[in-house]
């Protein structure tokens, strides 16, 4: 048992609160964009930057922030991350224009880039391997619960209060988490930290930010647009230089040799695939429920609860089974089950009952949680404790980039199928442009014109595109299941041990 005794479980609650803040905010903003457009006179480009500023900073800083946690102390970084996130939320509440809100969102991205890897990196310090799976399952549930809470609480707040309330709600959560972390979480860090790898930090930050920017812009501008190509190629070149530098410096920011460990590599791959199809579902299902089925933001959040409920139940069950038979079987089974649910979801029609939709969402959520928690445990189990922050940041960065690519690729597929099947024959040019822009635009035009045929064509076209997207997600899930089943070792040959890992000062500040 850990030297912390029962206190370690209360410390886990503090960590879950920290990560809940990030998950909650990632979806609450989406329901407020129409309100922001009118309240602060934000243009379409400004609205996009309100979203993208957070994403770009978050993705770009994940790698260095994990390393900083190892070097300077994970508890200290966690408190700084919460302070930045909560403080930036206050700035967002009082933003007078779109530019100020973009700046506040960028600072929130800095806080999130600290909280995500450092929260996970603390777990090996608090829990021994036999209990770590339960802790990771709890953290997985915390990440998942925040996703539907965003539109649910966002919808309630926007119905009764002004737009700033969606940011103000972050503040008490961050404050409670800070108090809990300060009291309950022990300090931990690398007892023998290496020098700061400044070239690696700069190359990874700029490379990831530029590449992710290209991915974000691709669906709207097109994958052959000059700016998109320049961003993608430029980002990849910087990341290539980053890899070359990391392989040659004596004290690299991250250990790329971790990918030589099959359990780490396949655990990361399984987590990335899970992020890919989970974000795919969370991207396309709300559009279907809102534009095609007519639910408001609050109704969408409530109708997504089966997905999160499945995740909530699947994660602890997967963790419990992996503790008995190893992680290979539950990771592969979780991916397989999620893939089967996605195939079932691809048969959804415009008039399908909500009971059917809730069923495949719940099974997909269960499969995701059942496989994702053991996959995270696999990754963490391959990391030396003193470098858990940088190792966790590496796998989380891969997952973040995979998720961004997922939204871009799936969005492009959806748009292509939707436009190919949409029938706008005989409609006036402005109506055609609005209908082609999005299914929501098509429904608004159809309602204004009283054009039931256009509404039906838009709905059918979107649902067909959704079916293709879900089948693509299912394909990735099934390929991941096969790779894990055939290549992942069932258990680690030996736990990674490095000099000083057993020493008392690993728990600096434990008292």
Protein backbone atom coordinates (compact mmCIF):
# COMPACT_ATOMS: atom_id res chain seq x y z
CA UNK A 1 0.00 0.00 0.00
CA UNK A 2 1.14 3.56 -0.68
CA UNK A 3 2.73 5.48 2.17
CA UNK A 4 -0.11 7.97 1.85
CA UNK A 5 -2.72 5.51 3.11
CA UNK A 6 -6.36 6.48 2.60
CA UNK A 7 -5.30 10.06 1.86
CA UNK A 8 -4.29 9.00 -1.65
CA UNK A 9 -7.92 8.48 -2.67
CA UNK A 10 -8.84 11.97 -1.50
CA UNK A 11 -5.85 13.24 -3.45
CA UNK A 12 -7.29 11.45 -6.50
CA UNK A 13 -10.54 13.39 -6.03
CA UNK A 14 -8.52 16.62 -6.19
CA UNK A 15 -6.81 15.47 -9.39
CA UNK A 16 -10.13 14.46 -10.98
CA UNK A 17 -11.50 17.92 -10.17
CA UNK A 18 -8.48 19.42 -11.92
CA UNK A 19 -8.99 17.43 -15.10
CA UNK A 20 -12.78 17.88 -14.95
CA UNK A 21 -12.18 21.62 -15.37
CA UNK A 22 -10.52 21.01 -18.74
CA UNK A 23 -13.10 18.51 -20.02
CA UNK A 24 -15.96 20.74 -18.96
CA UNK A 25 -14.64 23.81 -20.74
CA UNK A 26 -13.85 21.96 -23.98
CA UNK A 27 -17.54 21.62 -24.84
CA UNK A 28 -19.32 24.44 -23.00
CA UNK A 29 -18.07 27.09 -25.42
CA UNK A 30 -19.61 25.39 -28.46
CA UNK A 31 -23.17 26.13 -27.33
CA UNK A 32 -22.34 29.81 -26.72
CA UNK A 33 -20.87 30.72 -30.12
CA UNK A 34 -24.16 32.02 -31.60
CA UNK A 35 -24.70 34.15 -28.48
CA UNK A 36 -21.14 35.52 -28.62
CA UNK A 37 -21.61 36.47 -32.26
CA UNK A 38 -24.33 38.95 -31.28
CA UNK A 39 -23.27 39.93 -27.75
CA UNK A 40 -19.69 41.04 -28.55
CA UNK A 41 -20.18 41.50 -32.31
CA UNK A 42 -17.77 38.68 -33.14
CA UNK A 43 -17.30 37.82 -36.80
CA UNK A 44 -17.10 34.24 -38.05
CA UNK A 45 -13.29 34.46 -38.15
CA UNK A 46 -13.18 35.85 -34.61
CA UNK A 47 -15.45 33.07 -33.37
CA UNK A 48 -13.12 30.54 -34.93
CA UNK A 49 -10.12 32.12 -33.19
CA UNK A 50 -11.95 32.08 -29.84
CA UNK A 51 -12.02 28.30 -30.25
CA UNK A 52 -8.68 27.83 -32.03
CA UNK A 53 -6.54 30.00 -29.73
CA UNK A 54 -7.20 27.54 -26.94
CA UNK A 55 -6.60 24.47 -29.10
CA UNK A 56 -3.34 25.73 -30.63
CA UNK A 57 -1.77 26.78 -27.34
CA UNK A 58 -2.94 23.59 -25.64
CA UNK A 59 -1.50 21.31 -28.33
CA UNK A 60 1.73 23.27 -28.67
CA UNK A 61 2.65 23.33 -24.99
CA UNK A 62 1.73 19.79 -23.91
CA UNK A 63 5.23 18.36 -24.41
CA UNK A 64 7.27 21.00 -22.56
CA UNK A 65 4.75 21.30 -19.72
CA UNK A 66 4.99 17.59 -18.94
CA UNK A 67 8.76 17.94 -18.69
CA UNK A 68 8.47 21.04 -16.51
CA UNK A 69 6.31 19.06 -14.10
CA UNK A 70 9.03 16.42 -13.77
CA UNK A 71 11.70 19.09 -13.25
CA UNK A 72 10.02 21.67 -11.00
CA UNK A 73 7.41 19.60 -9.19
CA UNK A 74 4.07 18.24 -10.37
CA UNK A 75 2.02 19.61 -7.49
CA UNK A 76 3.49 23.06 -8.06
CA UNK A 77 2.72 22.93 -11.78
CA UNK A 78 -0.80 21.64 -11.08
CA UNK A 79 -1.51 24.62 -8.85
CA UNK A 80 -0.07 27.00 -11.45
CA UNK A 81 -2.20 25.40 -14.16
CA UNK A 82 -5.38 25.74 -12.10
CA UNK A 83 -4.54 29.35 -11.24
CA UNK A 84 -3.97 30.19 -14.91
CA UNK A 85 -7.16 28.43 -15.98
CA UNK A 86 -9.31 30.03 -13.29
CA UNK A 87 -7.72 33.46 -13.67
CA UNK A 88 -8.11 33.42 -17.46
CA UNK A 89 -11.76 32.42 -17.00
CA UNK A 90 -12.28 35.58 -14.93
CA UNK A 91 -10.64 37.64 -17.69
CA UNK A 92 -12.97 35.99 -20.22
CA UNK A 93 -16.01 36.93 -18.12
CA UNK A 94 -15.11 40.62 -18.35
CA UNK A 95 -13.85 40.61 -21.95
CA UNK A 96 -15.21 43.64 -23.78
CA UNK A 97 -14.48 42.48 -27.29
CA UNK A 98 -13.49 39.43 -29.31
CA UNK A 99 -9.76 40.19 -29.15
CA UNK A 100 -9.74 40.18 -25.35
CA UNK A 101 -11.70 36.93 -25.32
CA UNK A 102 -9.23 35.31 -27.73
CA UNK A 103 -6.35 36.33 -25.43
CA UNK A 104 -8.14 34.91 -22.38
CA UNK A 105 -8.80 31.66 -24.20
CA UNK A 106 -5.11 31.38 -25.11
CA UNK A 107 -4.15 31.68 -21.43
CA UNK A 108 -6.75 29.03 -20.61
CA UNK A 109 -4.98 26.84 -23.16
CA UNK A 110 -1.72 27.28 -21.23
CA UNK A 111 -3.46 26.14 -18.04
CA UNK A 112 -4.99 23.14 -19.80
CA UNK A 113 -1.61 22.14 -21.28
CA UNK A 114 -0.29 21.89 -17.71
CA UNK A 115 -3.28 20.17 -16.14
CA UNK A 116 -3.68 17.36 -18.68
CA UNK A 117 -0.25 15.63 -18.53
CA UNK A 118 0.62 16.57 -14.95
CA UNK A 119 -2.66 15.23 -13.52
CA UNK A 120 -1.98 11.83 -15.05
CA UNK A 121 1.73 11.87 -14.16
CA UNK A 122 0.93 12.16 -10.44
CA UNK A 123 -0.91 8.83 -10.39
CA UNK A 124 2.19 6.55 -10.35
CA UNK A 125 3.42 8.52 -7.33
CA UNK A 126 0.18 8.02 -5.41
CA UNK A 127 -0.70 4.46 -6.37
CA UNK A 128 1.12 1.16 -6.62
CA UNK A 129 0.64 -0.82 -9.88
CA UNK A 130 -2.08 -3.04 -8.43
CA UNK A 131 -4.25 0.01 -7.58
CA UNK A 132 -3.26 2.28 -10.44
CA UNK A 133 -5.90 0.85 -12.79
CA UNK A 134 -8.72 1.93 -10.46
CA UNK A 135 -7.22 5.42 -10.20
CA UNK A 136 -6.90 5.72 -13.98
CA UNK A 137 -10.49 4.54 -14.40
CA UNK A 138 -11.62 7.32 -12.05
CA UNK A 139 -9.61 9.86 -14.00
CA UNK A 140 -11.05 8.56 -17.28
CA UNK A 141 -14.55 8.98 -15.89
CA UNK A 142 -13.66 12.51 -14.77
CA UNK A 143 -12.50 13.37 -18.28
CA UNK A 144 -15.65 11.89 -19.78
CA UNK A 145 -18.16 13.45 -17.39
CA UNK A 146 -16.97 16.94 -18.29
CA UNK A 147 -17.85 16.50 -21.96
CA UNK A 148 -21.68 16.32 -21.71
CA UNK A 149 -21.77 18.67 -18.72
CA UNK A 150 -20.55 21.44 -21.00
CA UNK A 151 -23.62 21.68 -23.26
CA UNK A 152 -26.01 20.80 -20.43
CA UNK A 153 -24.80 23.48 -18.01
CA UNK A 154 -23.99 25.85 -20.86
CA UNK A 155 -27.54 25.55 -22.15
CA UNK A 156 -29.01 26.21 -18.70
CA UNK A 157 -26.75 29.22 -18.07
CA UNK A 158 -27.40 30.79 -21.46
CA UNK A 159 -31.12 30.31 -21.01
CA UNK A 160 -31.14 32.26 -17.72
CA UNK A 161 -27.97 34.39 -17.61
CA UNK A 162 -25.56 36.33 -19.83
CA UNK A 163 -22.79 34.79 -21.94
CA UNK A 164 -20.06 35.45 -19.36
CA UNK A 165 -21.62 32.89 -17.02
CA UNK A 166 -20.21 30.04 -19.14
CA UNK A 167 -16.70 31.14 -18.15
CA UNK A 168 -17.57 32.19 -14.61
CA UNK A 169 -18.65 28.66 -13.79
CA UNK A 170 -15.01 27.51 -14.26
CA UNK A 171 -13.82 29.67 -11.37
CA UNK A 172 -15.34 27.83 -8.35
CA UNK A 173 -14.37 24.46 -9.83
CA UNK A 174 -10.76 25.60 -10.29
CA UNK A 175 -10.69 27.19 -6.82
CA UNK A 176 -12.00 24.06 -5.10
CA UNK A 177 -9.50 21.97 -7.05
CA UNK A 178 -6.63 24.28 -5.99
CA UNK A 179 -7.55 23.99 -2.31
CA UNK A 180 -7.87 20.20 -2.58
CA UNK A 181 -4.55 19.84 -4.44
CA UNK A 182 -2.75 22.11 -1.95
CA UNK A 183 -3.95 20.05 1.00
CA UNK A 184 -4.06 16.51 -0.34
CA UNK A 185 -1.57 16.01 -3.18
CA UNK A 186 2.10 15.37 -2.27
CA UNK A 187 4.90 17.03 -4.20
CA UNK A 188 6.86 14.81 -6.57
CA UNK A 189 9.53 15.43 -9.19
CA UNK A 190 12.61 14.01 -10.84
CA UNK A 191 15.30 13.84 -8.11
CA UNK A 192 18.02 14.28 -10.73
CA UNK A 193 16.59 16.66 -13.35
CA UNK A 194 18.52 17.29 -16.53
CA UNK A 195 19.13 20.68 -18.12
CA UNK A 196 16.19 22.35 -19.85
CA UNK A 197 16.09 21.32 -23.50
CA UNK A 198 15.25 24.77 -24.90
CA UNK A 199 15.66 23.85 -28.60
CA UNK A 200 13.40 20.85 -28.14
CA UNK A 201 10.77 22.89 -26.31
CA UNK A 202 10.72 25.60 -29.00
CA UNK A 203 10.72 23.17 -31.94
CA UNK A 204 7.92 21.03 -30.49
CA UNK A 205 5.79 24.04 -29.53
CA UNK A 206 6.02 25.80 -32.89
CA UNK A 207 5.91 22.58 -34.91
CA UNK A 208 2.79 21.24 -33.21
CA UNK A 209 1.02 24.62 -33.19
CA UNK A 210 1.64 25.22 -36.91
CA UNK A 211 0.69 21.67 -37.88
CA UNK A 212 -2.52 21.70 -35.80
CA UNK A 213 -3.41 25.10 -37.30
CA UNK A 214 -3.19 23.54 -40.77
CA UNK A 215 -5.39 20.67 -39.63
CA UNK A 216 -7.98 23.07 -38.19
CA UNK A 217 -8.10 25.19 -41.34
CA UNK A 218 -8.24 22.27 -43.78
CA UNK A 219 -12.00 21.50 -43.65
CA UNK A 220 -13.04 25.10 -44.38
CA UNK A 221 -10.25 26.13 -46.77
CA UNK A 222 -9.72 22.75 -48.41
CA UNK A 223 -6.77 20.38 -48.12
CA UNK A 224 -5.19 21.80 -51.29
CA UNK A 225 -5.29 25.43 -50.11
CA UNK A 226 -1.85 27.10 -50.12
CA UNK A 227 -2.01 28.19 -46.48
CA UNK A 228 -3.12 24.75 -45.34
CA UNK A 229 -0.35 22.99 -47.28
CA UNK A 230 2.25 25.49 -46.00
CA UNK A 231 1.12 24.98 -42.38
CA UNK A 232 1.04 21.19 -42.63
CA UNK A 233 4.40 20.93 -44.41
CA UNK A 234 6.03 23.59 -42.21
CA UNK A 235 4.77 21.95 -39.04
CA UNK A 236 5.96 18.52 -40.14
CA UNK A 237 9.40 19.91 -41.05
CA UNK A 238 9.79 21.51 -37.62
CA UNK A 239 8.65 18.28 -35.94
CA UNK A 240 11.14 16.30 -38.04
CA UNK A 241 13.93 18.61 -36.92
CA UNK A 242 12.64 18.21 -33.35
CA UNK A 243 12.96 14.41 -33.59
CA UNK A 244 16.48 14.69 -35.03
CA UNK A 245 17.53 17.09 -32.25
CA UNK A 246 16.01 14.90 -29.52
CA UNK A 247 17.92 11.86 -30.80
CA UNK A 248 21.25 13.70 -30.60
CA UNK A 249 21.16 15.85 -27.46
CA UNK A 250 22.50 14.38 -24.22
CA UNK A 251 19.46 15.47 -22.19
CA UNK A 252 16.37 15.36 -24.48
CA UNK A 253 13.08 16.87 -23.38
CA UNK A 254 11.31 13.57 -24.12
CA UNK A 255 12.55 10.04 -24.51
CA UNK A 256 11.59 8.97 -28.04
CA UNK A 257 12.95 5.50 -27.29
CA UNK A 258 9.70 4.92 -25.38
CA UNK A 259 8.10 4.08 -28.71
CA UNK A 260 10.45 1.11 -28.94
CA UNK A 261 8.46 -0.40 -26.06
CA UNK A 262 5.58 -2.22 -27.72
CA UNK A 263 3.25 -1.78 -24.75
CA UNK A 264 3.86 1.97 -24.66
CA UNK A 265 3.52 2.33 -28.44
CA UNK A 266 0.38 0.20 -28.72
CA UNK A 267 -1.17 1.68 -25.58
CA UNK A 268 -0.62 5.13 -27.07
CA UNK A 269 -2.04 3.96 -30.41
CA UNK A 270 -5.13 2.51 -28.70
CA UNK A 271 -5.66 5.74 -26.75
CA UNK A 272 -5.24 7.82 -29.91
CA UNK A 273 -7.72 5.69 -31.85
CA UNK A 274 -10.16 5.94 -28.95
CA UNK A 275 -9.77 9.73 -28.97
CA UNK A 276 -10.28 9.72 -32.74
CA UNK A 277 -13.62 7.95 -32.72
CA UNK A 278 -14.83 9.45 -29.41
CA UNK A 279 -14.25 12.97 -30.74
CA UNK A 280 -15.83 11.85 -34.01
CA UNK A 281 -18.98 10.83 -32.17
CA UNK A 282 -19.01 14.02 -30.12
CA UNK A 283 -18.52 16.03 -33.31
CA UNK A 284 -21.24 14.48 -35.44
CA UNK A 285 -23.92 13.28 -33.01
CA UNK A 286 -24.71 16.74 -31.56
CA UNK A 287 -25.08 18.10 -35.12
CA UNK A 288 -27.51 15.29 -35.90
CA UNK A 289 -29.51 15.80 -32.71
CA UNK A 290 -29.65 19.59 -33.04
CA UNK A 291 -30.00 20.23 -36.79
CA UNK A 292 -31.83 17.09 -37.92
CA UNK A 293 -33.81 16.14 -34.80
CA UNK A 294 -34.44 19.69 -33.56
CA UNK A 295 -33.02 19.47 -30.02
CA UNK A 296 -31.70 22.61 -28.33
CA UNK A 297 -28.26 22.79 -26.68
CA UNK A 298 -29.57 21.52 -23.34
CA UNK A 299 -31.48 18.70 -25.03
CA UNK A 300 -28.35 17.67 -26.94
CA UNK A 301 -26.35 17.45 -23.72
CA UNK A 302 -29.01 15.34 -22.04
CA UNK A 303 -29.27 13.01 -25.05
CA UNK A 304 -25.51 12.43 -24.98
CA UNK A 305 -25.68 11.08 -21.42
CA UNK A 306 -25.95 7.41 -22.56
CA UNK A 307 -22.54 7.78 -24.21
CA UNK A 308 -20.99 9.13 -21.02
CA UNK A 309 -22.95 6.67 -18.89
CA UNK A 310 -21.41 3.83 -20.89
CA UNK A 311 -17.96 5.37 -20.41
CA UNK A 312 -18.66 5.76 -16.69
CA UNK A 313 -19.46 2.07 -16.26
CA UNK A 314 -16.98 0.69 -18.77
CA UNK A 315 -13.83 2.29 -17.34
CA UNK A 316 -13.89 0.70 -13.85
CA UNK A 317 -14.93 -2.70 -15.22
CA UNK A 318 -12.08 -2.62 -17.74
CA UNK A 319 -9.65 -1.60 -15.00
CA UNK A 320 -10.85 -4.41 -12.72
CA UNK A 321 -10.49 -7.06 -15.43
CA UNK A 322 -7.07 -5.79 -16.55
CA UNK A 323 -5.86 -6.10 -12.96
CA UNK A 324 -6.63 -9.82 -13.12
CA UNK A 325 -5.67 -10.84 -16.66
CA UNK A 326 -3.51 -7.99 -17.94
CA UNK A 327 -4.34 -5.07 -20.21
CA UNK A 328 -4.14 -6.68 -23.65
CA UNK A 329 -7.54 -8.40 -23.66
CA UNK A 330 -9.64 -5.52 -22.28
CA UNK A 331 -7.98 -2.95 -24.57
CA UNK A 332 -8.63 -5.10 -27.66
CA UNK A 333 -12.13 -6.04 -26.49
CA UNK A 334 -13.01 -2.42 -25.76
CA UNK A 335 -11.95 -1.29 -29.23
CA UNK A 336 -13.82 -4.21 -30.80
CA UNK A 337 -17.01 -3.45 -28.86
CA UNK A 338 -16.84 0.25 -29.68
CA UNK A 339 -16.27 -0.56 -33.35
CA UNK A 340 -19.31 -2.85 -33.41
CA UNK A 341 -21.43 -0.10 -31.80
CA UNK A 342 -20.25 2.38 -34.42
CA UNK A 343 -21.24 -0.03 -37.19
CA UNK A 344 -24.67 -0.28 -35.56
CA UNK A 345 -24.81 3.52 -35.34
CA UNK A 346 -24.11 3.79 -39.06
CA UNK A 347 -27.55 2.27 -39.71
CA UNK A 348 -29.25 5.28 -38.05
CA UNK A 349 -31.94 6.94 -40.19
CA UNK A 350 -33.58 10.34 -39.99
CA UNK A 351 -36.58 8.83 -38.23
CA UNK A 352 -34.76 6.33 -36.00
CA UNK A 353 -36.07 6.21 -32.45
CA UNK A 354 -34.05 7.86 -29.73
CA UNK A 355 -34.03 4.50 -27.92
CA UNK A 356 -32.02 3.02 -30.79
CA UNK A 357 -29.65 6.01 -30.82
CA UNK A 358 -29.19 5.85 -27.05
CA UNK A 359 -28.42 2.12 -27.28
CA UNK A 360 -25.53 2.38 -29.71
CA UNK A 361 -24.20 5.48 -27.95
CA UNK A 362 -24.20 3.63 -24.62
CA UNK A 363 -22.46 0.55 -26.06
CA UNK A 364 -19.88 2.74 -27.81
CA UNK A 365 -19.23 4.61 -24.57
CA UNK A 366 -18.92 1.38 -22.63
CA UNK A 367 -16.44 -0.05 -25.12
CA UNK A 368 -14.42 3.17 -25.11
CA UNK A 369 -14.15 3.26 -21.32
CA UNK A 370 -13.55 -0.50 -21.10
CA UNK A 371 -10.50 -0.21 -23.37
CA UNK A 372 -9.26 3.32 -22.68
CA UNK A 373 -8.60 2.98 -18.96
CA UNK A 374 -6.41 -0.16 -19.39
CA UNK A 375 -4.67 1.51 -22.36
CA UNK A 376 -3.72 4.48 -20.18
CA UNK A 377 -2.57 2.10 -17.45
CA UNK A 378 -0.40 0.30 -20.03
CA UNK A 379 1.29 3.56 -21.01
CA UNK A 380 1.87 4.77 -17.45
CA UNK A 381 3.18 1.35 -16.44
CA UNK A 382 6.00 1.71 -18.98
CA UNK A 383 7.20 5.07 -17.60
CA UNK A 384 9.86 5.60 -14.94
CA UNK A 385 8.25 7.55 -12.10
CA UNK A 386 10.68 10.46 -12.28
CA UNK A 387 9.92 11.02 -16.01
CA UNK A 388 6.19 10.31 -15.82
CA UNK A 389 5.32 13.89 -16.76
CA UNK A 390 7.28 14.02 -20.01
CA UNK A 391 6.22 10.47 -20.93
CA UNK A 392 2.56 11.22 -20.26
CA UNK A 393 2.84 14.47 -22.21
CA UNK A 394 4.20 12.50 -25.16
CA UNK A 395 1.26 10.12 -25.33
CA UNK A 396 -1.27 12.89 -24.63
CA UNK A 397 0.23 15.00 -27.43
CA UNK A 398 -0.13 12.13 -29.87
CA UNK A 399 -3.75 11.71 -28.74
CA UNK A 400 -4.44 15.45 -29.03
CA UNK A 401 -3.04 15.65 -32.56
CA UNK A 402 -4.93 12.46 -33.46
CA UNK A 403 -8.14 14.01 -32.17
CA UNK A 404 -7.57 17.22 -34.15
CA UNK A 405 -6.87 15.20 -37.28
CA UNK A 406 -9.98 13.18 -36.57
CA UNK A 407 -12.23 16.23 -36.48
CA UNK A 408 -10.64 17.63 -39.66
CA UNK A 409 -10.73 14.39 -41.65
CA UNK A 410 -14.17 13.36 -40.48
CA UNK A 411 -15.48 16.88 -41.05
CA UNK A 412 -14.14 16.81 -44.61
CA UNK A 413 -15.71 13.40 -45.26
CA UNK A 414 -19.05 14.54 -43.85
CA UNK A 415 -19.01 17.72 -45.93
CA UNK A 416 -18.12 15.86 -49.14
CA UNK A 417 -20.88 13.27 -48.74
CA UNK A 418 -23.43 15.90 -47.67
CA UNK A 419 -22.72 18.15 -50.67
CA UNK A 420 -22.72 15.22 -53.10
CA UNK A 421 -26.21 14.07 -52.08
CA UNK A 422 -27.88 17.42 -51.31
CA UNK A 423 -30.51 18.39 -53.91
CA UNK A 424 -30.81 22.20 -54.30
CA UNK A 425 -32.21 22.18 -57.82
CA UNK A 426 -34.46 25.13 -58.57
CA UNK A 427 -33.71 27.06 -55.37
CA UNK A 428 -32.53 30.70 -55.39
CA UNK A 429 -28.75 31.23 -55.18
CA UNK A 430 -28.71 32.63 -51.60
CA UNK A 431 -30.72 29.63 -50.40
CA UNK A 432 -28.37 27.24 -52.21
CA UNK A 433 -25.31 28.85 -50.64
CA UNK A 434 -26.80 28.65 -47.13
CA UNK A 435 -27.91 25.04 -47.63
CA UNK A 436 -24.48 23.99 -48.87
CA UNK A 437 -22.72 25.75 -46.01
CA UNK A 438 -24.18 23.43 -43.35
CA UNK A 439 -27.15 21.25 -42.54
CA UNK A 440 -28.21 23.84 -39.94
CA UNK A 441 -28.22 26.48 -42.68
CA UNK A 442 -30.24 24.21 -44.93
CA UNK A 443 -32.84 23.63 -42.23
CA UNK A 444 -33.10 27.35 -41.50
CA UNK A 445 -33.60 28.16 -45.21
CA UNK A 446 -36.10 25.33 -45.62
CA UNK A 447 -38.12 26.58 -42.67
CA UNK A 448 -38.06 30.16 -43.95
CA UNK A 449 -39.17 29.12 -47.44
CA UNK A 450 -41.56 26.43 -46.25
CA UNK A 451 -39.60 23.98 -48.41
CA UNK A 452 -40.18 20.52 -46.93
CA UNK A 453 -38.36 18.82 -49.80
CA UNK A 454 -35.16 20.77 -49.13
CA UNK A 455 -35.36 19.96 -45.42
CA UNK A 456 -35.78 16.26 -46.17
CA UNK A 457 -32.91 16.27 -48.68
CA UNK A 458 -30.62 18.04 -46.20
CA UNK A 459 -31.55 15.64 -43.40
CA UNK A 460 -31.10 12.55 -45.57
CA UNK A 461 -27.79 13.85 -46.96
CA UNK A 462 -26.44 14.61 -43.51
CA UNK A 463 -27.49 11.25 -42.08
CA UNK A 464 -25.84 9.47 -45.00
CA UNK A 465 -22.65 11.44 -44.32
CA UNK A 466 -22.93 10.55 -40.63
CA UNK A 467 -23.18 6.87 -41.54
CA UNK A 468 -19.99 7.08 -43.62
CA UNK A 469 -18.17 8.90 -40.81
CA UNK A 470 -19.24 6.31 -38.22
CA UNK A 471 -18.10 3.50 -40.51
CA UNK A 472 -14.69 5.17 -40.89
CA UNK A 473 -14.47 5.47 -37.09
CA UNK A 474 -15.47 1.82 -36.78
CA UNK A 475 -12.72 0.86 -39.24
CA UNK A 476 -10.08 2.59 -37.12
CA UNK A 477 -11.44 0.93 -33.97
CA UNK A 478 -11.37 -2.53 -35.52
CA UNK A 479 -7.85 -2.08 -36.93
CA UNK A 480 -6.72 -0.95 -33.48
CA UNK A 481 -8.30 -4.02 -31.90
CA UNK A 482 -6.46 -6.33 -34.30
CA UNK A 483 -3.11 -4.59 -33.71
CA UNK A 484 -3.46 -4.78 -29.94
CA UNK A 485 -4.65 -8.40 -30.01
CA UNK A 486 -1.77 -9.55 -32.21
CA UNK A 487 1.15 -7.35 -31.12
CA UNK A 488 0.71 -6.12 -27.54
CA UNK A 489 2.37 -8.19 -24.79
CA UNK A 490 -0.15 -9.20 -22.14
CA UNK A 491 1.95 -7.91 -19.25
CA UNK A 492 5.23 -6.01 -18.96
CA UNK A 493 8.30 -8.22 -18.84
CA UNK A 494 9.63 -6.10 -16.02
CA UNK A 495 8.63 -2.81 -14.46
CA UNK A 496 10.88 0.02 -15.65
CA UNK A 497 13.28 0.97 -12.88
CA UNK A 498 15.73 3.82 -12.97
CA UNK A 499 18.32 5.06 -10.53
CA UNK A 500 16.75 6.71 -7.56
CA UNK A 501 13.24 5.48 -8.23
CA UNK A 502 13.06 3.72 -4.91
CA UNK A 503 14.51 6.61 -2.97
CA UNK A 504 12.60 8.48 -0.32
CA UNK A 505 12.96 11.85 -2.02
CA UNK A 506 10.66 10.73 -4.82
CA UNK A 507 7.95 11.91 -2.42
CA UNK A 508 9.42 15.35 -1.80
CA UNK A 509 7.06 17.23 0.47
CA UNK A 510 5.10 14.12 1.42
CA UNK A 511 4.96 15.24 5.00
